[in-house]
Amino acid sequence: MPRTPDRAPGPSIEEELQLQDDGADPTVVGGITLNAGALKGKDSIGVFDLRSGSGLSEAAHKTLRHLIHFIDDGPAGGFATGAYKETTPTGPFPTSEIWWESSSKLKKIVELTTTWTGVKITAEVWEMYDTDGSTVLTTVTDAIVYSGVFESNRTRTIA
């Protein structure tokens, strides 16, 4: 008698692979499970939903969602109070804004670096840091194009 993918005796169905819902995420890199009706996979970054379609792992998605809390102007939901913002250089065209955990400036939370062409910002680079304050978790780069003095479009790269 042929063997099934789990090497148990029984008929082999070549058209599909049927997974039993075991209610758990995969535990090894390369593993795939059915958990509460959702297909889950695990890669070197972490567990992710195979139907999400985003191309991001669960951990990367969470990091980007946290970055959203900063883009308007600093830490918000999920972050401790007491964060400290440093803008350099002082004046009309700053090139760096860094949010630190505190005014002691020991651990970075997020950093925005801007590139100016004349009086226009032509690039913005956001770096989100891990809790150690030095490891970059993700980098979001916007390339900005203008029509006259007005922004016409921007292209975002996430790494």
N, C-alpha and C. Protein backbone atom coordinates (compact mmCIF):
# COMPACT_ATOMS: atom_id res chain seq x y z
N MET A 1 0.85 -1.17 0.00
CA MET A 1 0.00 0.00 0.00
C MET A 1 0.90 1.24 0.00
N PRO A 2 0.54 2.30 -0.78
CA PRO A 2 1.36 3.52 -0.79
C PRO A 2 1.33 4.22 0.56
N ARG A 3 2.30 5.10 0.74
CA ARG A 3 2.39 5.84 2.00
C ARG A 3 1.97 7.29 1.79
N THR A 4 1.34 7.87 2.81
CA THR A 4 0.94 9.27 2.78
C THR A 4 2.14 10.14 3.15
N PRO A 5 2.04 11.49 3.01
CA PRO A 5 3.18 12.36 3.35
C PRO A 5 3.70 12.15 4.77
N ASP A 6 2.85 11.73 5.70
CA ASP A 6 3.33 11.49 7.07
C ASP A 6 3.81 10.05 7.25
N ARG A 7 3.94 9.35 6.15
CA ARG A 7 4.46 7.98 6.07
C ARG A 7 3.54 6.94 6.73
N ALA A 8 2.30 7.30 6.90
CA ALA A 8 1.33 6.35 7.43
C ALA A 8 0.75 5.54 6.28
N PRO A 9 0.40 4.28 6.53
CA PRO A 9 -0.22 3.51 5.45
C PRO A 9 -1.55 4.13 5.05
N GLY A 10 -1.85 4.07 3.80
CA GLY A 10 -3.13 4.58 3.31
C GLY A 10 -3.00 5.11 1.92
N PRO A 11 -4.12 5.48 1.34
CA PRO A 11 -4.08 5.99 -0.03
C PRO A 11 -3.38 7.34 -0.09
N SER A 12 -2.63 7.55 -1.16
CA SER A 12 -1.94 8.81 -1.37
C SER A 12 -2.80 9.68 -2.27
N ILE A 13 -3.11 10.88 -1.83
CA ILE A 13 -3.90 11.80 -2.64
C ILE A 13 -2.94 12.83 -3.20
N GLU A 14 -2.68 12.77 -4.49
CA GLU A 14 -1.69 13.62 -5.13
C GLU A 14 -2.18 15.04 -5.36
N GLU A 15 -3.51 15.25 -5.39
CA GLU A 15 -4.06 16.55 -5.75
C GLU A 15 -3.95 17.59 -4.64
N GLU A 16 -3.89 17.21 -3.39
CA GLU A 16 -3.85 18.18 -2.31
C GLU A 16 -3.20 17.60 -1.07
N LEU A 17 -2.77 18.48 -0.22
CA LEU A 17 -2.24 18.11 1.08
C LEU A 17 -3.24 18.59 2.12
N GLN A 18 -3.72 17.71 2.95
CA GLN A 18 -4.70 18.08 3.96
C GLN A 18 -4.02 18.11 5.32
N LEU A 19 -4.11 19.28 5.99
CA LEU A 19 -3.51 19.45 7.30
C LEU A 19 -4.59 19.38 8.37
N GLN A 20 -4.28 18.72 9.45
CA GLN A 20 -5.19 18.68 10.58
C GLN A 20 -4.96 19.93 11.42
N ASP A 21 -6.06 20.58 11.82
CA ASP A 21 -5.95 21.80 12.63
C ASP A 21 -5.53 21.41 14.04
N ASP A 22 -4.24 21.69 14.37
CA ASP A 22 -3.74 21.30 15.69
C ASP A 22 -3.73 22.47 16.67
N GLY A 23 -4.18 23.65 16.22
CA GLY A 23 -4.28 24.80 17.12
C GLY A 23 -2.95 25.36 17.57
N ALA A 24 -1.88 25.13 16.81
CA ALA A 24 -0.56 25.63 17.22
C ALA A 24 0.19 26.18 16.01
N ASP A 25 1.03 27.17 16.26
CA ASP A 25 1.89 27.70 15.22
C ASP A 25 3.05 26.74 14.98
N PRO A 26 3.69 26.80 13.80
CA PRO A 26 4.86 25.96 13.56
C PRO A 26 5.99 26.30 14.53
N THR A 27 6.78 25.32 14.88
CA THR A 27 7.85 25.53 15.86
C THR A 27 9.24 25.49 15.24
N VAL A 28 9.35 25.08 13.97
CA VAL A 28 10.66 25.01 13.31
C VAL A 28 10.63 25.83 12.03
N VAL A 29 11.78 26.38 11.65
CA VAL A 29 11.90 27.13 10.40
C VAL A 29 11.55 26.19 9.25
N GLY A 30 10.67 26.64 8.37
CA GLY A 30 10.21 25.83 7.24
C GLY A 30 8.93 25.07 7.54
N GLY A 31 8.47 25.14 8.79
CA GLY A 31 7.26 24.42 9.18
C GLY A 31 6.00 25.15 8.73
N ILE A 32 4.96 24.37 8.45
CA ILE A 32 3.65 24.90 8.08
C ILE A 32 2.62 24.14 8.91
N THR A 33 1.70 24.87 9.54
CA THR A 33 0.62 24.25 10.31
C THR A 33 -0.69 24.92 9.98
N LEU A 34 -1.77 24.28 10.40
CA LEU A 34 -3.10 24.86 10.32
C LEU A 34 -3.50 25.18 11.76
N ASN A 35 -3.68 26.47 12.04
CA ASN A 35 -3.98 26.92 13.40
C ASN A 35 -5.26 27.75 13.36
N ALA A 36 -6.32 27.23 13.97
CA ALA A 36 -7.63 27.91 14.01
C ALA A 36 -8.11 28.27 12.60
N GLY A 37 -7.85 27.37 11.66
CA GLY A 37 -8.31 27.57 10.29
C GLY A 37 -7.40 28.43 9.44
N ALA A 38 -6.30 28.94 9.99
CA ALA A 38 -5.36 29.79 9.25
C ALA A 38 -4.06 29.03 8.99
N LEU A 39 -3.58 29.11 7.76
CA LEU A 39 -2.29 28.49 7.43
C LEU A 39 -1.18 29.37 7.97
N LYS A 40 -0.30 28.79 8.77
CA LYS A 40 0.81 29.53 9.36
C LYS A 40 2.12 28.90 8.90
N GLY A 41 3.10 29.75 8.64
CA GLY A 41 4.44 29.29 8.28
C GLY A 41 5.44 29.91 9.22
N LYS A 42 6.64 29.33 9.26
CA LYS A 42 7.70 29.90 10.09
C LYS A 42 8.96 30.01 9.25
N ASP A 43 9.55 31.22 9.23
CA ASP A 43 10.83 31.42 8.57
C ASP A 43 11.84 31.89 9.62
N SER A 44 13.01 32.35 9.18
CA SER A 44 14.05 32.73 10.13
C SER A 44 13.68 33.97 10.94
N ILE A 45 12.68 34.73 10.51
CA ILE A 45 12.27 35.92 11.23
C ILE A 45 11.18 35.60 12.25
N GLY A 46 10.29 34.68 11.91
CA GLY A 46 9.22 34.33 12.83
C GLY A 46 8.04 33.68 12.14
N VAL A 47 6.93 33.59 12.86
CA VAL A 47 5.72 32.96 12.35
C VAL A 47 4.90 34.00 11.58
N PHE A 48 4.29 33.60 10.47
CA PHE A 48 3.48 34.50 9.67
C PHE A 48 2.29 33.75 9.08
N ASP A 49 1.26 34.51 8.73
CA ASP A 49 0.06 33.97 8.10
C ASP A 49 0.33 33.85 6.60
N LEU A 50 0.19 32.66 6.05
CA LEU A 50 0.49 32.44 4.64
C LEU A 50 -0.49 33.16 3.71
N ARG A 51 -1.65 33.55 4.21
CA ARG A 51 -2.63 34.23 3.36
C ARG A 51 -2.60 35.74 3.54
N SER A 52 -1.67 36.25 4.31
CA SER A 52 -1.65 37.69 4.57
C SER A 52 -1.38 38.48 3.29
N GLY A 53 -0.56 37.93 2.41
CA GLY A 53 -0.29 38.60 1.15
C GLY A 53 0.59 39.83 1.26
N SER A 54 1.02 40.19 2.46
CA SER A 54 1.79 41.42 2.62
C SER A 54 3.26 41.23 2.31
N GLY A 55 3.74 40.00 2.36
CA GLY A 55 5.16 39.77 2.17
C GLY A 55 5.97 40.08 3.41
N LEU A 56 5.30 40.41 4.51
CA LEU A 56 5.97 40.73 5.76
C LEU A 56 5.71 39.65 6.79
N SER A 57 6.70 39.35 7.58
CA SER A 57 6.49 38.41 8.67
C SER A 57 5.66 39.11 9.75
N GLU A 58 5.15 38.34 10.69
CA GLU A 58 4.38 38.90 11.79
C GLU A 58 5.21 39.92 12.57
N ALA A 59 6.49 39.59 12.81
CA ALA A 59 7.37 40.48 13.57
C ALA A 59 7.64 41.78 12.81
N ALA A 60 7.89 41.68 11.49
CA ALA A 60 8.15 42.88 10.68
C ALA A 60 6.91 43.76 10.62
N HIS A 61 5.74 43.13 10.49
CA HIS A 61 4.51 43.90 10.46
C HIS A 61 4.31 44.65 11.78
N LYS A 62 4.58 43.99 12.89
CA LYS A 62 4.43 44.63 14.20
C LYS A 62 5.38 45.83 14.32
N THR A 63 6.62 45.67 13.83
CA THR A 63 7.60 46.76 13.89
C THR A 63 7.11 47.95 13.09
N LEU A 64 6.59 47.71 11.89
CA LEU A 64 6.10 48.81 11.06
C LEU A 64 4.89 49.48 11.69
N ARG A 65 4.03 48.70 12.32
CA ARG A 65 2.87 49.28 13.00
C ARG A 65 3.34 50.18 14.13
N HIS A 66 4.40 49.78 14.84
CA HIS A 66 4.93 50.64 15.90
C HIS A 66 5.54 51.91 15.32
N LEU A 67 6.16 51.81 14.15
CA LEU A 67 6.77 52.98 13.52
C LEU A 67 5.70 54.04 13.23
N ILE A 68 4.50 53.62 12.89
CA ILE A 68 3.41 54.54 12.61
C ILE A 68 3.16 55.47 13.80
N HIS A 69 3.40 54.99 15.01
CA HIS A 69 3.18 55.82 16.20
C HIS A 69 4.13 57.01 16.27
N PHE A 70 5.15 57.06 15.42
CA PHE A 70 6.14 58.13 15.47
C PHE A 70 6.05 59.11 14.31
N ILE A 71 5.50 58.70 13.20
CA ILE A 71 5.62 59.50 11.99
C ILE A 71 5.00 60.89 12.14
N ASP A 72 3.93 61.05 12.87
CA ASP A 72 3.35 62.38 13.04
C ASP A 72 4.19 63.28 13.94
N ASP A 73 4.72 62.76 15.01
CA ASP A 73 5.64 63.54 15.84
C ASP A 73 5.88 62.88 17.19
N GLY A 74 6.48 61.73 17.16
CA GLY A 74 6.94 61.15 18.41
C GLY A 74 6.15 59.98 18.94
N PRO A 75 6.63 59.44 20.05
CA PRO A 75 6.05 58.23 20.64
C PRO A 75 4.59 58.41 21.02
N ALA A 76 3.83 57.34 20.85
CA ALA A 76 2.42 57.35 21.23
C ALA A 76 2.09 56.02 21.88
N GLY A 77 0.95 55.44 21.52
CA GLY A 77 0.47 54.21 22.15
C GLY A 77 1.52 53.12 22.23
N GLY A 78 1.66 52.54 23.40
CA GLY A 78 2.56 51.41 23.59
C GLY A 78 3.96 51.79 24.02
N PHE A 79 4.26 53.08 24.17
CA PHE A 79 5.59 53.51 24.57
C PHE A 79 5.52 54.29 25.88
N ALA A 80 6.56 54.16 26.68
CA ALA A 80 6.60 54.83 27.98
C ALA A 80 6.71 56.34 27.81
N THR A 81 6.20 57.07 28.79
CA THR A 81 6.33 58.52 28.76
C THR A 81 7.76 58.90 29.13
N GLY A 82 8.13 60.14 28.84
CA GLY A 82 9.46 60.61 29.18
C GLY A 82 10.42 60.60 28.01
N ALA A 83 9.95 60.26 26.80
CA ALA A 83 10.83 60.26 25.64
C ALA A 83 11.32 61.69 25.37
N TYR A 84 12.50 61.78 24.75
CA TYR A 84 13.17 63.05 24.53
C TYR A 84 13.52 63.18 23.05
N LYS A 85 13.17 64.32 22.43
CA LYS A 85 13.45 64.54 21.01
C LYS A 85 14.60 65.51 20.84
N GLU A 86 15.53 65.13 19.96
CA GLU A 86 16.68 65.98 19.63
C GLU A 86 16.64 66.28 18.14
N THR A 87 16.67 67.56 17.78
CA THR A 87 16.65 67.99 16.38
C THR A 87 17.96 68.70 16.08
N THR A 88 18.66 68.26 15.01
CA THR A 88 19.92 68.90 14.63
C THR A 88 19.99 69.06 13.11
N PRO A 89 20.71 70.02 12.61
CA PRO A 89 21.15 71.18 13.36
C PRO A 89 19.96 72.10 13.64
N THR A 90 20.14 73.03 14.55
CA THR A 90 19.08 74.00 14.81
C THR A 90 19.01 74.94 13.62
N GLY A 91 17.84 75.45 13.36
CA GLY A 91 17.67 76.35 12.22
C GLY A 91 16.57 75.85 11.30
N PRO A 92 16.48 76.47 10.13
CA PRO A 92 15.35 76.16 9.25
C PRO A 92 15.44 74.83 8.49
N PHE A 93 16.61 74.20 8.41
CA PHE A 93 16.76 72.99 7.61
C PHE A 93 17.38 71.84 8.42
N PRO A 94 16.66 71.31 9.40
CA PRO A 94 17.22 70.21 10.19
C PRO A 94 17.37 68.94 9.34
N THR A 95 18.40 68.18 9.62
CA THR A 95 18.64 66.94 8.87
C THR A 95 18.45 65.70 9.73
N SER A 96 18.27 65.88 11.04
CA SER A 96 18.12 64.72 11.92
C SER A 96 17.16 65.03 13.07
N GLU A 97 16.23 64.10 13.29
CA GLU A 97 15.38 64.13 14.46
C GLU A 97 15.48 62.75 15.11
N ILE A 98 15.92 62.72 16.35
CA ILE A 98 16.08 61.46 17.07
C ILE A 98 15.21 61.48 18.31
N TRP A 99 14.40 60.43 18.49
CA TRP A 99 13.66 60.24 19.72
C TRP A 99 14.43 59.26 20.57
N TRP A 100 14.78 59.70 21.79
CA TRP A 100 15.52 58.90 22.75
C TRP A 100 14.56 58.44 23.85
N GLU A 101 14.90 57.38 24.56
CA GLU A 101 14.07 56.92 25.68
C GLU A 101 13.95 57.99 26.77
N SER A 102 15.04 58.76 26.95
CA SER A 102 15.04 59.82 27.96
C SER A 102 16.06 60.87 27.57
N SER A 103 16.11 61.95 28.34
CA SER A 103 17.05 63.03 28.04
C SER A 103 18.51 62.63 28.27
N SER A 104 18.74 61.47 28.88
CA SER A 104 20.11 60.98 29.03
C SER A 104 20.69 60.49 27.69
N LYS A 105 19.85 60.30 26.69
CA LYS A 105 20.23 59.93 25.32
C LYS A 105 21.10 58.66 25.27
N LEU A 106 20.69 57.64 25.99
CA LEU A 106 21.43 56.37 25.97
C LEU A 106 20.86 55.38 24.96
N LYS A 107 19.55 55.43 24.72
CA LYS A 107 18.91 54.47 23.81
C LYS A 107 17.99 55.20 22.84
N LYS A 108 18.26 54.97 21.53
CA LYS A 108 17.40 55.55 20.50
C LYS A 108 16.12 54.72 20.38
N ILE A 109 15.02 55.42 20.08
CA ILE A 109 13.76 54.74 19.78
C ILE A 109 13.52 54.77 18.27
N VAL A 110 13.60 55.96 17.70
CA VAL A 110 13.39 56.13 16.27
C VAL A 110 14.20 57.34 15.81
N GLU A 111 14.63 57.31 14.54
CA GLU A 111 15.42 58.41 13.99
C GLU A 111 14.91 58.74 12.60
N LEU A 112 14.75 60.02 12.34
CA LEU A 112 14.39 60.52 11.02
C LEU A 112 15.56 61.33 10.48
N THR A 113 16.04 60.95 9.29
CA THR A 113 17.10 61.69 8.61
C THR A 113 16.50 62.26 7.34
N THR A 114 16.66 63.56 7.14
CA THR A 114 16.11 64.21 5.95
C THR A 114 17.23 64.71 5.05
N THR A 115 16.97 64.64 3.74
CA THR A 115 17.89 65.18 2.75
C THR A 115 17.20 66.36 2.08
N TRP A 116 17.88 67.48 2.07
CA TRP A 116 17.35 68.70 1.49
C TRP A 116 18.01 68.97 0.15
N THR A 117 17.20 69.39 -0.83
CA THR A 117 17.69 69.91 -2.10
C THR A 117 17.12 71.32 -2.20
N GLY A 118 17.96 72.29 -1.94
CA GLY A 118 17.47 73.66 -1.82
C GLY A 118 16.57 73.76 -0.60
N VAL A 119 15.33 74.20 -0.81
CA VAL A 119 14.39 74.34 0.31
C VAL A 119 13.39 73.17 0.37
N LYS A 120 13.64 72.11 -0.40
CA LYS A 120 12.72 70.98 -0.46
C LYS A 120 13.35 69.74 0.15
N ILE A 121 12.55 68.99 0.92
CA ILE A 121 13.01 67.69 1.42
C ILE A 121 12.81 66.68 0.29
N THR A 122 13.90 66.06 -0.15
CA THR A 122 13.81 65.11 -1.27
C THR A 122 13.93 63.66 -0.82
N ALA A 123 14.30 63.45 0.43
CA ALA A 123 14.35 62.08 0.96
C ALA A 123 14.15 62.12 2.47
N GLU A 124 13.41 61.12 2.97
CA GLU A 124 13.24 60.91 4.40
C GLU A 124 13.56 59.45 4.70
N VAL A 125 14.39 59.25 5.71
CA VAL A 125 14.75 57.89 6.12
C VAL A 125 14.38 57.73 7.59
N TRP A 126 13.46 56.79 7.87
CA TRP A 126 13.05 56.47 9.24
C TRP A 126 13.72 55.18 9.64
N GLU A 127 14.36 55.17 10.81
CA GLU A 127 14.95 53.95 11.35
C GLU A 127 14.33 53.68 12.72
N MET A 128 13.73 52.50 12.86
CA MET A 128 13.11 52.09 14.12
C MET A 128 14.10 51.19 14.84
N TYR A 129 14.35 51.47 16.13
CA TYR A 129 15.36 50.74 16.89
C TYR A 129 14.74 49.71 17.84
N ASP A 130 15.49 48.65 18.09
CA ASP A 130 15.10 47.63 19.04
C ASP A 130 15.25 48.21 20.45
N THR A 131 14.80 47.47 21.44
CA THR A 131 14.83 47.96 22.83
C THR A 131 16.24 48.22 23.35
N ASP A 132 17.27 47.68 22.69
CA ASP A 132 18.65 47.95 23.12
C ASP A 132 19.09 49.37 22.74
N GLY A 133 18.31 50.03 21.87
CA GLY A 133 18.60 51.41 21.49
C GLY A 133 19.64 51.58 20.41
N SER A 134 20.19 50.47 19.89
CA SER A 134 21.22 50.60 18.85
C SER A 134 20.97 49.71 17.63
N THR A 135 20.22 48.64 17.79
CA THR A 135 19.94 47.72 16.69
C THR A 135 18.75 48.24 15.87
N VAL A 136 18.97 48.47 14.57
CA VAL A 136 17.91 48.94 13.69
C VAL A 136 17.01 47.76 13.33
N LEU A 137 15.72 47.89 13.64
CA LEU A 137 14.76 46.83 13.32
C LEU A 137 14.26 46.95 11.90
N THR A 138 13.99 48.15 11.46
CA THR A 138 13.50 48.36 10.10
C THR A 138 13.86 49.77 9.64
N THR A 139 14.00 49.92 8.34
CA THR A 139 14.29 51.22 7.74
C THR A 139 13.24 51.50 6.67
N VAL A 140 12.63 52.67 6.73
CA VAL A 140 11.64 53.10 5.75
C VAL A 140 12.20 54.34 5.07
N THR A 141 12.36 54.29 3.74
CA THR A 141 12.93 55.40 2.99
C THR A 141 11.91 55.93 1.99
N ASP A 142 11.67 57.24 2.02
CA ASP A 142 10.79 57.90 1.06
C ASP A 142 11.63 58.78 0.15
N ALA A 143 11.50 58.57 -1.17
CA ALA A 143 12.09 59.45 -2.18
C ALA A 143 10.97 60.36 -2.67
N ILE A 144 11.16 61.67 -2.52
CA ILE A 144 10.09 62.63 -2.78
C ILE A 144 10.38 63.42 -4.06
N VAL A 145 9.35 63.54 -4.91
CA VAL A 145 9.46 64.26 -6.18
C VAL A 145 8.48 65.44 -6.15
N TYR A 146 8.91 66.55 -6.72
CA TYR A 146 8.10 67.77 -6.70
C TYR A 146 7.73 68.21 -8.11
N SER A 147 6.61 68.90 -8.20
CA SER A 147 6.21 69.62 -9.41
C SER A 147 6.14 71.08 -8.98
N GLY A 148 7.18 71.83 -9.34
CA GLY A 148 7.29 73.20 -8.81
C GLY A 148 7.59 73.13 -7.33
N VAL A 149 6.77 73.77 -6.52
CA VAL A 149 6.98 73.76 -5.07
C VAL A 149 6.13 72.72 -4.36
N PHE A 150 5.31 71.99 -5.12
CA PHE A 150 4.39 71.03 -4.52
C PHE A 150 4.87 69.59 -4.72
N GLU A 151 4.72 68.80 -3.66
CA GLU A 151 5.07 67.38 -3.77
C GLU A 151 4.10 66.72 -4.75
N SER A 152 4.66 66.00 -5.73
CA SER A 152 3.80 65.33 -6.71
C SER A 152 3.69 63.83 -6.44
N ASN A 153 4.76 63.23 -5.90
CA ASN A 153 4.70 61.81 -5.55
C ASN A 153 5.88 61.45 -4.67
N ARG A 154 5.76 60.27 -4.05
CA ARG A 154 6.88 59.73 -3.28
C ARG A 154 6.88 58.22 -3.44
N THR A 155 8.07 57.67 -3.40
CA THR A 155 8.23 56.22 -3.50
C THR A 155 8.81 55.73 -2.18
N ARG A 156 8.16 54.74 -1.58
CA ARG A 156 8.57 54.22 -0.26
C ARG A 156 9.25 52.87 -0.43
N THR A 157 10.39 52.72 0.22
CA THR A 157 11.12 51.46 0.27
C THR A 157 11.22 51.02 1.73
N ILE A 158 10.91 49.76 2.00
CA ILE A 158 10.96 49.22 3.36
C ILE A 158 12.02 48.13 3.40
N ALA A 159 12.97 48.27 4.30
CA ALA A 159 14.04 47.26 4.41
C ALA A 159 14.23 46.88 5.86
